[in-house]
Protein backbone atom coordinates (compact mmCIF):
# COMPACT_ATOMS: atom_id res chain seq x y z
CA MET A 1 76.79 49.87 186.92
CA GLN A 2 79.19 51.59 189.20
CA TYR A 3 79.57 51.58 193.15
CA ALA A 4 80.85 52.65 195.44
CA ILE A 5 81.66 50.68 198.94
CA SER A 6 82.44 51.82 202.60
CA ASN A 7 83.14 49.63 205.40
CA GLY A 8 81.28 46.54 203.43
CA TYR A 9 77.98 48.51 202.44
CA ILE A 10 77.14 49.68 199.26
CA ILE A 11 76.96 53.56 199.13
CA GLN A 12 76.51 54.32 196.40
CA GLU A 13 75.03 53.17 192.97
CA ILE A 14 75.01 55.18 189.23
CA GLY A 15 74.43 53.06 185.94
CA THR A 16 72.03 53.21 182.49
CA ILE A 17 69.38 51.07 181.86
CA ASP A 18 68.67 51.41 177.49
CA PHE A 19 66.15 49.75 176.48
CA LYS A 20 64.98 49.40 173.08
CA PHE A 21 61.78 47.53 171.23
CA ASN A 22 61.45 46.72 167.71
CA ILE A 23 57.27 47.98 167.23
CA ALA A 24 57.99 45.25 163.84
CA GLN A 25 58.27 42.79 165.59
CA ILE A 26 56.26 43.39 169.00
CA ALA A 27 53.54 43.81 166.31
CA GLN A 28 53.79 40.29 164.65
CA LEU A 29 54.10 38.73 168.39
CA MET A 30 50.42 40.80 168.84
CA ASN A 31 49.45 39.84 166.16
CA THR A 32 50.08 36.17 166.55
CA LEU A 33 48.86 36.08 169.99
CA SER A 34 45.67 36.91 168.61
CA GLY A 35 45.50 34.31 166.63
CA ASN A 36 44.97 37.42 163.32
CA GLN A 37 46.83 36.07 159.93
CA THR A 38 46.54 39.42 158.69
CA ALA A 39 48.71 42.82 159.76
CA SER A 40 46.32 44.33 162.07
CA LEU A 41 48.97 46.36 164.29
CA ASP A 42 50.91 47.83 162.02
CA GLY A 43 54.69 49.08 163.76
CA VAL A 44 57.43 50.03 162.39
CA GLY A 45 60.15 52.32 163.33
CA THR A 46 62.24 51.59 167.55
CA LEU A 47 61.17 52.66 171.12
CA ASN A 48 64.29 53.86 172.81
CA LEU A 49 64.46 54.76 176.47
CA GLN A 50 66.61 55.17 178.86
CA ILE A 51 66.41 55.18 182.73
CA ASN A 52 69.29 56.81 184.57
CA PHE A 53 69.99 55.82 188.29
CA SER A 54 71.92 56.91 190.51
CA THR A 55 71.43 56.41 194.26
CA THR A 56 72.97 57.00 198.23
CA ASN A 57 73.01 55.76 201.47
CA SER A 58 74.23 56.68 203.77
CA LYS A 59 73.66 56.56 207.73
CA ILE A 60 73.65 52.37 207.25
CA ASN A 61 73.55 50.84 210.73
CA ASP A 62 73.41 54.89 212.36
CA GLN A 63 70.75 54.38 215.17
CA ILE A 64 67.03 55.63 213.58
CA GLU A 65 64.36 56.45 215.94
CA ILE A 66 60.38 55.43 214.59
CA GLN A 67 57.19 56.73 216.72
CA ILE A 68 54.88 54.92 216.85
CA PRO A 69 51.47 57.22 216.92
CA LYS A 70 48.81 55.85 219.20
CA VAL A 71 46.19 54.95 217.15
CA ASN A 72 42.41 56.30 217.83
CA THR A 73 39.70 56.48 216.21
CA THR A 74 40.93 59.97 214.30
CA ASN A 75 43.42 57.93 212.42
CA SER A 76 42.09 54.69 211.60
CA PHE A 77 39.16 53.06 210.48
CA ASN A 78 37.41 49.81 212.14
CA TYR A 79 37.11 48.00 209.04
CA LEU A 80 34.16 45.35 210.47
CA ASP A 81 31.91 48.94 210.47
CA LEU A 82 33.66 49.63 206.56
CA MET A 83 32.19 46.10 205.84
CA ASN A 84 29.06 46.61 206.98
CA SER A 85 28.58 50.40 205.37
CA ASN A 86 29.33 48.56 201.49
CA ASN A 87 27.08 44.98 202.95
CA LEU A 88 29.66 42.83 201.63
CA LEU A 89 28.87 41.25 204.98
CA VAL A 90 26.61 38.07 205.01
CA PRO A 91 23.32 38.69 207.30
CA GLU A 92 22.70 35.95 209.59
CA LYS A 93 19.64 33.90 209.77
CA SER A 94 17.34 33.38 213.03
């Protein structure tokens, strides 16, 4: 993994994650966990998975403006109405 630091902040990360899965060992584990003495799950080979990632962070500690919308009936729902519509509430006894 490589990273860059500016003014005490990590501003960039670059790396690679390599996964190698032995299919035969996974099959053996699955057979052991399921209690099967015979090889009900056969597997051969190796599965290789590589994940490359790169992140860049900018404007750390800059002022940002967050606009939160006004909540009204067109952009929200009433949780109690949702519960009642699915008959999830038990009716009160008289």
